[in-house]
Amino acid sequence: MIKKVLIGLVLWMVCFSVDAKQSLNVLFVNPSVPGEPFWQRVQGITEAAADQFDIRLDVIYGEGNRIIQLAELKKYLSYRATPDYVILINYPGGAEESLKLLEKYGINHITLEETISGPERLAIGNPKEHYKYWLGEVHHDNDQAGYDLAKKLYQQAKTNGHETIYPIAINGHYGTESDIRSNGAKRFFDEVGVVVQQTVYAGWSKEQAFDKTKKLLHRYPETNLIWCASDLMAMGAITAAASSTSQIVFGGFDWLSDTFDLIEHNEMQASVGGHFMMGAWALISVYDHYYGHPFWKDNTELAFDLSVITKENLADYYWIKSAKNWQSIDYKAMSLRGKPKEQYHFSPELLRKSLQK
């Protein structure tokens, strides 16, 4: 009888340890405000992935400000149980403090978008160089994406019959991410001998983009191309240019739902995207790391490509607009748990195939 009790106790302890191992807790730091179109989609998809993996996902908001984000992170870590992992964006000017905070608490973390460059990058180093709990970065090539968007818009403007191209650029915040995007655009324009008339910052705001485009079009009435660092700002620019007699081409980033209709009706000519999945992809890599996959032991970055949607290939991507239930994606099929020799190959095409299944 005692032997049976002991066996039962051992089995119970084994089962309890397995359940404990599965109760993974992750904090996702949304750098924006609740309801902001792009980051709300990123968050919603990350939450859908967390549900499939039975991960407890907490969310806090940075409200578009490095000081607020750091304060919210400090507050969370002070009053909540320490999470197993944190997924966040390093805000320019605040990266070092955030990394030091997470290092102090001994929390493994993944950063998104590779937002830091210059002297600040030298100060923080690469993942695991100065901060051992900074596992790596999930990011895309913003410079190449900015270049590709400029190229598509240039080609469309030429198709429209414009011999000379007069572009303006609407950037996001004063910071690395948007600057890298616009530098990519400038790189393309330099290659084809086109001078960007002016680059302005609109804080990722549709309203600011509207106001600044109005002023820019008054200053540069020959403008026939408006490159934007986000779709939301492109929408503001489109509205501002509604009364313009010039045939202007517009493009942005993010693949917002309204973008697909704008491209279909030729009101917007191009949009770069695919990075709305980065939170879920980071979460999948965190899950795999938790269960022993060596990817983050052997690597410091997980890079993926972005794609450009135009009217010509819109049909290949229209499923994204209608994919309201992100639970229908098989995130578990993308996990490398139990596959130590395999690497990640994340892409919009992978999502399309998953939804088709």
Protein backbone atom coordinates (compact mmCIF):
# COMPACT_ATOMS: atom_id res chain seq x y z
CA MET A 1 0.00 0.00 0.00
CA ILE A 2 2.82 2.40 0.93
CA LYS A 3 4.58 1.49 -2.30
CA LYS A 4 1.47 2.41 -4.34
CA VAL A 5 1.17 5.72 -2.50
CA LEU A 6 4.82 6.52 -3.19
CA ILE A 7 4.42 5.65 -6.87
CA GLY A 8 1.31 7.85 -7.05
CA LEU A 9 3.16 10.70 -5.37
CA VAL A 10 6.07 10.43 -7.80
CA LEU A 11 3.69 10.45 -10.79
CA TRP A 12 1.89 13.47 -9.38
CA MET A 13 5.19 15.32 -8.95
CA VAL A 14 6.20 14.51 -12.54
CA CYS A 15 2.88 15.75 -13.87
CA PHE A 16 3.12 18.88 -11.72
CA SER A 17 6.60 19.66 -13.02
CA VAL A 18 5.42 19.27 -16.63
CA ASP A 19 2.49 21.61 -16.01
CA ALA A 20 4.79 24.10 -14.29
CA LYS A 21 7.12 24.01 -17.29
CA GLN A 22 4.21 24.83 -19.57
CA SER A 23 3.06 27.86 -17.59
CA LEU A 24 5.27 30.26 -19.52
CA ASN A 25 4.76 33.94 -18.70
CA VAL A 26 5.76 36.61 -21.22
CA LEU A 27 5.46 40.40 -21.06
CA PHE A 28 4.83 42.15 -24.39
CA VAL A 29 5.60 45.87 -24.37
CA ASN A 30 3.41 47.58 -26.96
CA PRO A 31 5.38 50.76 -27.72
CA SER A 32 2.28 52.67 -28.80
CA VAL A 33 -1.18 53.39 -27.35
CA PRO A 34 -4.17 51.02 -27.17
CA GLY A 35 -6.04 50.89 -30.48
CA GLU A 36 -3.30 52.32 -32.72
CA PRO A 37 -3.93 50.41 -35.98
CA PHE A 38 -0.52 48.88 -36.69
CA TRP A 39 0.52 47.98 -33.14
CA GLN A 40 -2.98 46.79 -32.26
CA ARG A 41 -2.64 44.25 -35.07
CA VAL A 42 0.85 43.23 -33.89
CA GLN A 43 -0.48 42.80 -30.36
CA GLY A 44 -3.60 40.89 -31.45
CA ILE A 45 -1.58 38.41 -33.51
CA THR A 46 0.90 37.94 -30.66
CA GLU A 47 -2.01 37.25 -28.30
CA ALA A 48 -3.43 34.70 -30.75
CA ALA A 49 -0.07 32.91 -30.85
CA ALA A 50 0.14 32.99 -27.05
CA ASP A 51 -3.26 31.30 -26.79
CA GLN A 52 -2.13 28.43 -29.02
CA PHE A 53 1.03 27.87 -26.99
CA ASP A 54 -0.81 28.24 -23.67
CA ILE A 55 1.43 31.18 -22.78
CA ARG A 56 0.28 33.80 -20.31
CA LEU A 57 0.87 37.09 -22.14
CA ASP A 58 0.73 40.38 -20.26
CA VAL A 59 0.72 43.68 -22.16
CA ILE A 60 1.81 47.17 -21.14
CA TYR A 61 1.94 50.32 -23.32
CA GLY A 62 4.79 52.72 -24.02
CA GLU A 63 2.46 55.41 -25.42
CA GLY A 64 4.96 56.37 -28.10
CA ASN A 65 7.41 57.77 -25.58
CA ARG A 66 10.67 56.27 -24.28
CA ILE A 67 10.26 57.87 -20.83
CA ILE A 68 6.72 56.57 -20.40
CA GLN A 69 7.68 53.10 -21.66
CA LEU A 70 10.56 52.84 -19.19
CA ALA A 71 8.33 54.06 -16.35
CA GLU A 72 5.63 51.51 -17.21
CA LEU A 73 8.22 48.74 -17.40
CA LYS A 74 9.61 49.70 -13.98
CA LYS A 75 6.11 49.81 -12.52
CA TYR A 76 5.22 46.39 -13.92
CA LEU A 77 8.41 44.75 -12.63
CA SER A 78 7.95 46.36 -9.21
CA TYR A 79 4.39 45.18 -8.65
CA ARG A 80 4.06 41.97 -10.66
CA ALA A 81 5.68 38.55 -10.58
CA THR A 82 8.78 38.58 -12.75
CA PRO A 83 7.94 37.24 -16.25
CA ASP A 84 10.02 34.52 -17.88
CA TYR A 85 10.62 36.71 -20.95
CA VAL A 86 10.04 40.26 -22.17
CA ILE A 87 9.47 41.29 -25.81
CA LEU A 88 9.98 45.01 -26.45
CA ILE A 89 11.30 47.70 -28.76
CA ASN A 90 14.41 49.61 -27.69
CA TYR A 91 13.51 53.28 -27.90
CA PRO A 92 16.37 55.49 -29.15
CA GLY A 93 17.69 57.39 -26.16
CA GLY A 94 16.29 54.87 -23.69
CA ALA A 95 17.81 51.56 -24.75
CA GLU A 96 20.61 51.47 -22.19
CA GLU A 97 18.30 52.09 -19.23
CA SER A 98 15.83 49.44 -20.38
CA LEU A 99 18.53 46.83 -20.91
CA LYS A 100 20.10 47.61 -17.52
CA LEU A 101 16.70 47.24 -15.85
CA LEU A 102 16.01 43.85 -17.43
CA GLU A 103 19.55 42.73 -16.65
CA LYS A 104 19.03 43.70 -13.02
CA TYR A 105 15.95 41.50 -12.82
CA GLY A 106 17.67 38.68 -14.73
CA ILE A 107 14.91 38.46 -17.36
CA ASN A 108 15.57 36.99 -20.80
CA HIS A 109 14.35 39.41 -23.46
CA ILE A 110 14.00 39.85 -27.21
CA THR A 111 14.01 43.26 -28.89
CA LEU A 112 12.16 44.14 -32.09
CA GLU A 113 13.09 46.16 -35.18
CA GLU A 114 16.80 46.90 -34.52
CA THR A 115 16.04 50.54 -33.71
CA ILE A 116 19.39 51.64 -32.24
CA SER A 117 22.43 52.87 -34.18
CA GLY A 118 25.38 55.25 -33.86
CA PRO A 119 26.97 56.04 -30.46
CA GLU A 120 24.04 54.52 -28.55
CA ARG A 121 24.56 51.24 -30.39
CA LEU A 122 28.23 51.28 -29.49
CA ALA A 123 27.26 51.80 -25.84
CA ILE A 124 24.83 48.88 -25.64
CA GLY A 125 26.77 46.59 -27.98
CA ASN A 126 25.22 43.55 -29.60
CA PRO A 127 22.90 41.10 -27.85
CA LYS A 128 24.72 39.08 -25.17
CA GLU A 129 27.83 41.29 -25.51
CA HIS A 130 27.21 43.55 -22.48
CA TYR A 131 23.80 42.24 -21.40
CA LYS A 132 23.69 38.47 -21.12
CA TYR A 133 19.90 38.30 -20.79
CA TRP A 134 19.41 40.17 -24.08
CA LEU A 135 19.00 37.10 -26.27
CA GLY A 136 18.71 38.81 -29.64
CA GLU A 137 16.75 40.98 -32.04
CA VAL A 138 13.88 40.12 -34.38
CA HIS A 139 14.09 42.65 -37.16
CA HIS A 140 13.79 43.48 -40.84
CA ASP A 141 15.91 45.60 -43.19
CA ASN A 142 14.32 49.06 -42.98
CA ASP A 143 16.91 50.58 -45.31
CA GLN A 144 16.17 48.11 -48.09
CA ALA A 145 12.43 48.45 -47.50
CA GLY A 146 12.64 52.23 -47.83
CA TYR A 147 14.67 51.78 -51.01
CA ASP A 148 12.17 49.30 -52.47
CA LEU A 149 9.21 51.57 -51.73
CA ALA A 150 10.94 54.54 -53.39
CA LYS A 151 11.74 52.41 -56.42
CA LYS A 152 8.14 51.24 -56.87
CA LEU A 153 6.80 54.79 -56.53
CA TYR A 154 9.39 56.11 -58.97
CA GLN A 155 8.46 53.45 -61.52
CA GLN A 156 4.76 54.24 -61.12
CA ALA A 157 5.35 57.98 -61.51
CA LYS A 158 7.28 57.28 -64.71
CA THR A 159 4.45 55.04 -65.93
CA ASN A 160 2.08 57.95 -65.29
CA GLY A 161 4.09 59.98 -67.81
CA HIS A 162 6.19 62.17 -65.52
CA GLU A 163 9.56 62.83 -67.13
CA THR A 164 10.98 64.52 -64.04
CA ILE A 165 10.24 63.22 -60.54
CA TYR A 166 9.73 65.70 -57.70
CA PRO A 167 9.46 63.74 -54.41
CA ILE A 168 8.85 64.75 -50.82
CA ALA A 169 9.28 62.41 -47.85
CA ILE A 170 7.10 62.22 -44.73
CA ASN A 171 9.05 60.57 -41.92
CA GLY A 172 7.89 59.29 -38.52
CA HIS A 173 9.68 60.24 -35.29
CA TYR A 174 13.12 61.77 -35.06
CA GLY A 175 14.87 58.46 -34.59
CA THR A 176 16.66 55.50 -36.00
CA GLU A 177 13.79 53.45 -37.41
CA SER A 178 12.20 56.15 -39.54
CA ASP A 179 15.56 57.67 -40.48
CA ILE A 180 16.81 54.31 -41.75
CA ARG A 181 13.67 53.98 -43.88
CA SER A 182 14.04 57.44 -45.40
CA ASN A 183 17.79 56.94 -45.89
CA GLY A 184 16.93 53.88 -47.96
CA ALA A 185 14.61 56.03 -50.06
CA LYS A 186 17.29 58.69 -50.48
CA ARG A 187 19.77 56.00 -51.53
CA PHE A 188 17.46 54.99 -54.38
CA PHE A 189 16.73 58.57 -55.44
CA ASP A 190 20.46 59.34 -55.44
CA GLU A 191 21.05 56.37 -57.74
CA VAL A 192 18.58 57.70 -60.32
CA GLY A 193 19.65 61.33 -59.95
CA VAL A 194 16.49 62.56 -58.24
CA VAL A 195 16.64 65.19 -55.48
CA VAL A 196 14.18 64.87 -52.57
CA GLN A 197 12.70 68.35 -52.26
CA GLN A 198 12.23 68.09 -48.49
CA THR A 199 11.95 65.49 -45.73
CA VAL A 200 9.73 66.29 -42.72
CA TYR A 201 8.77 64.44 -39.54
CA ALA A 202 5.11 63.82 -38.74
CA GLY A 203 5.37 61.63 -35.62
CA TRP A 204 3.57 58.67 -37.26
CA SER A 205 0.43 60.85 -37.10
CA LYS A 206 -2.19 61.02 -39.86
CA GLU A 207 -3.17 64.52 -38.73
CA GLN A 208 0.40 65.84 -38.71
CA ALA A 209 1.02 64.29 -42.12
CA PHE A 210 -2.10 66.05 -43.44
CA ASP A 211 -1.02 69.45 -42.10
CA LYS A 212 2.59 69.15 -43.27
CA THR A 213 1.64 67.85 -46.72
CA LYS A 214 -0.66 70.86 -47.21
CA LYS A 215 2.25 73.19 -46.50
CA LEU A 216 4.71 71.19 -48.60
CA LEU A 217 2.42 71.13 -51.63
CA HIS A 218 2.04 74.89 -51.37
CA ARG A 219 5.84 75.20 -51.22
CA TYR A 220 6.51 72.59 -53.93
CA PRO A 221 3.52 72.61 -56.32
CA GLU A 222 5.31 70.35 -58.84
CA THR A 223 5.41 67.44 -56.34
CA ASN A 224 4.38 64.18 -58.02
CA LEU A 225 5.63 61.58 -55.52
CA ILE A 226 5.07 61.40 -51.75
CA TRP A 227 7.05 58.74 -49.90
CA CYS A 228 5.80 58.06 -46.35
CA ALA A 229 7.27 56.03 -43.50
CA SER A 230 3.81 54.65 -42.61
CA ASP A 231 0.47 53.99 -44.30
CA LEU A 232 -1.34 56.12 -41.72
CA MET A 233 0.76 59.15 -42.66
CA ALA A 234 0.27 58.32 -46.35
CA MET A 235 -3.50 58.48 -45.77
CA GLY A 236 -3.11 61.93 -44.27
CA ALA A 237 -1.02 62.99 -47.27
CA ILE A 238 -3.60 61.60 -49.72
CA THR A 239 -6.37 63.63 -48.07
CA ALA A 240 -4.21 66.75 -48.07
CA ALA A 241 -3.50 66.36 -51.79
CA ALA A 242 -7.14 65.74 -52.77
CA SER A 243 -7.50 69.18 -54.35
CA SER A 244 -4.12 69.07 -56.10
CA THR A 245 -4.15 69.13 -59.88
CA SER A 246 -0.94 67.08 -60.05
CA GLN A 247 -1.03 63.33 -60.51
CA ILE A 248 0.77 62.26 -57.32
CA VAL A 249 1.81 58.72 -56.34
CA PHE A 250 1.75 57.74 -52.67
CA GLY A 251 3.29 54.92 -50.66
CA GLY A 252 3.84 53.88 -47.06
CA PHE A 253 4.55 51.05 -44.65
CA ASP A 254 2.42 48.67 -42.54
CA TRP A 255 -0.28 47.05 -44.73
CA LEU A 256 -3.16 48.54 -42.75
CA SER A 257 -6.61 47.21 -43.63
CA ASP A 258 -7.65 50.40 -45.44
CA THR A 259 -4.45 50.29 -47.48
CA PHE A 260 -5.70 47.38 -49.59
CA ASP A 261 -8.79 49.33 -50.72
CA LEU A 262 -6.72 52.43 -51.44
CA ILE A 263 -4.33 50.44 -53.63
CA GLU A 264 -7.20 48.64 -55.36
CA HIS A 265 -8.79 51.99 -56.27
CA ASN A 266 -5.42 53.47 -57.30
CA GLU A 267 -5.50 56.15 -54.58
CA MET A 268 -2.30 54.73 -53.11
CA GLN A 269 0.31 52.99 -55.25
CA ALA A 270 2.44 50.91 -52.87
CA SER A 271 2.82 49.71 -49.30
CA VAL A 272 5.63 47.82 -47.59
CA GLY A 273 4.76 45.26 -44.94
CA GLY A 274 5.03 41.86 -43.31
CA HIS A 275 6.44 43.11 -40.01
CA PHE A 276 3.03 43.00 -38.31
CA MET A 277 3.94 39.38 -37.49
CA MET A 278 7.15 40.24 -35.63
CA GLY A 279 5.61 39.96 -32.14
CA ALA A 280 4.28 36.47 -32.86
CA TRP A 281 7.54 35.40 -34.44
CA ALA A 282 9.46 36.64 -31.40
CA LEU A 283 7.02 34.76 -29.17
CA ILE A 284 7.52 31.52 -31.13
CA SER A 285 11.28 31.86 -30.73
CA VAL A 286 10.84 32.53 -27.00
CA TYR A 287 8.70 29.39 -26.64
CA ASP A 288 11.34 27.34 -28.45
CA HIS A 289 14.14 28.82 -26.33
CA TYR A 290 12.21 27.96 -23.18
CA TYR A 291 12.08 24.34 -24.32
CA GLY A 292 15.75 24.15 -25.21
CA HIS A 293 16.06 25.03 -28.89
CA PRO A 294 19.59 26.39 -29.49
CA PHE A 295 18.67 29.21 -31.91
CA TRP A 296 19.16 32.06 -29.42
CA LYS A 297 22.23 30.35 -28.04
CA ASP A 298 23.86 30.32 -31.48
CA ASN A 299 22.44 33.57 -32.92
CA THR A 300 21.91 37.20 -31.96
CA GLU A 301 19.37 38.15 -34.64
CA LEU A 302 16.38 36.75 -36.47
CA ALA A 303 16.08 38.73 -39.69
CA PHE A 304 13.18 38.57 -42.14
CA ASP A 305 12.33 40.32 -45.41
CA LEU A 306 9.52 42.76 -46.08
CA SER A 307 7.48 42.82 -49.29
CA VAL A 308 5.94 45.61 -51.38
CA ILE A 309 2.27 45.44 -52.35
CA THR A 310 1.17 47.20 -55.53
CA LYS A 311 -1.94 46.87 -57.65
CA GLU A 312 -0.13 44.24 -59.75
CA ASN A 313 0.33 41.78 -56.86
CA LEU A 314 -2.51 42.89 -54.59
CA ALA A 315 -4.48 39.67 -55.14
CA ASP A 316 -1.62 37.64 -53.65
CA TYR A 317 -1.87 39.54 -50.36
CA TYR A 318 -5.56 40.41 -50.08
CA TRP A 319 -6.07 37.55 -47.62
CA ILE A 320 -4.32 39.67 -44.98
CA LYS A 321 -7.12 42.25 -45.05
CA SER A 322 -9.78 39.58 -44.56
CA ALA A 323 -7.86 37.51 -41.98
CA LYS A 324 -9.78 38.86 -39.00
CA ASN A 325 -9.38 35.69 -36.98
CA TRP A 326 -5.65 35.37 -36.49
CA GLN A 327 -6.36 32.26 -34.41
CA SER A 328 -6.73 30.41 -37.72
CA ILE A 329 -2.96 30.57 -38.28
CA ASP A 330 -1.14 27.43 -37.16
CA TYR A 331 1.61 29.06 -35.09
CA LYS A 332 2.66 25.72 -33.61
CA ALA A 333 3.62 24.51 -37.09
CA MET A 334 6.21 27.32 -37.17
CA SER A 335 7.81 26.25 -33.90
CA LEU A 336 11.18 24.49 -34.00
CA ARG A 337 10.69 22.75 -30.67
CA GLY A 338 12.28 19.32 -30.96
CA LYS A 339 14.06 20.33 -34.19
CA PRO A 340 17.45 21.56 -32.93
CA LYS A 341 19.14 21.66 -36.35
CA GLU A 342 16.48 23.69 -38.14
CA GLN A 343 16.34 27.47 -38.65
CA TYR A 344 13.42 29.90 -38.89
CA HIS A 345 12.09 30.98 -42.29
CA PHE A 346 9.38 33.48 -41.44
CA SER A 347 7.60 35.29 -44.30
CA PRO A 348 4.13 36.45 -45.44
CA GLU A 349 4.12 33.47 -47.81
CA LEU A 350 4.44 31.12 -44.83
CA LEU A 351 1.34 32.73 -43.31
CA ARG A 352 -0.65 32.40 -46.52
CA LYS A 353 0.10 28.70 -46.72
CA SER A 354 -0.81 28.25 -43.07
CA LEU A 355 -4.19 29.93 -43.57
CA GLN A 356 -4.90 27.88 -46.70
CA LYS A 357 -4.42 24.69 -44.68
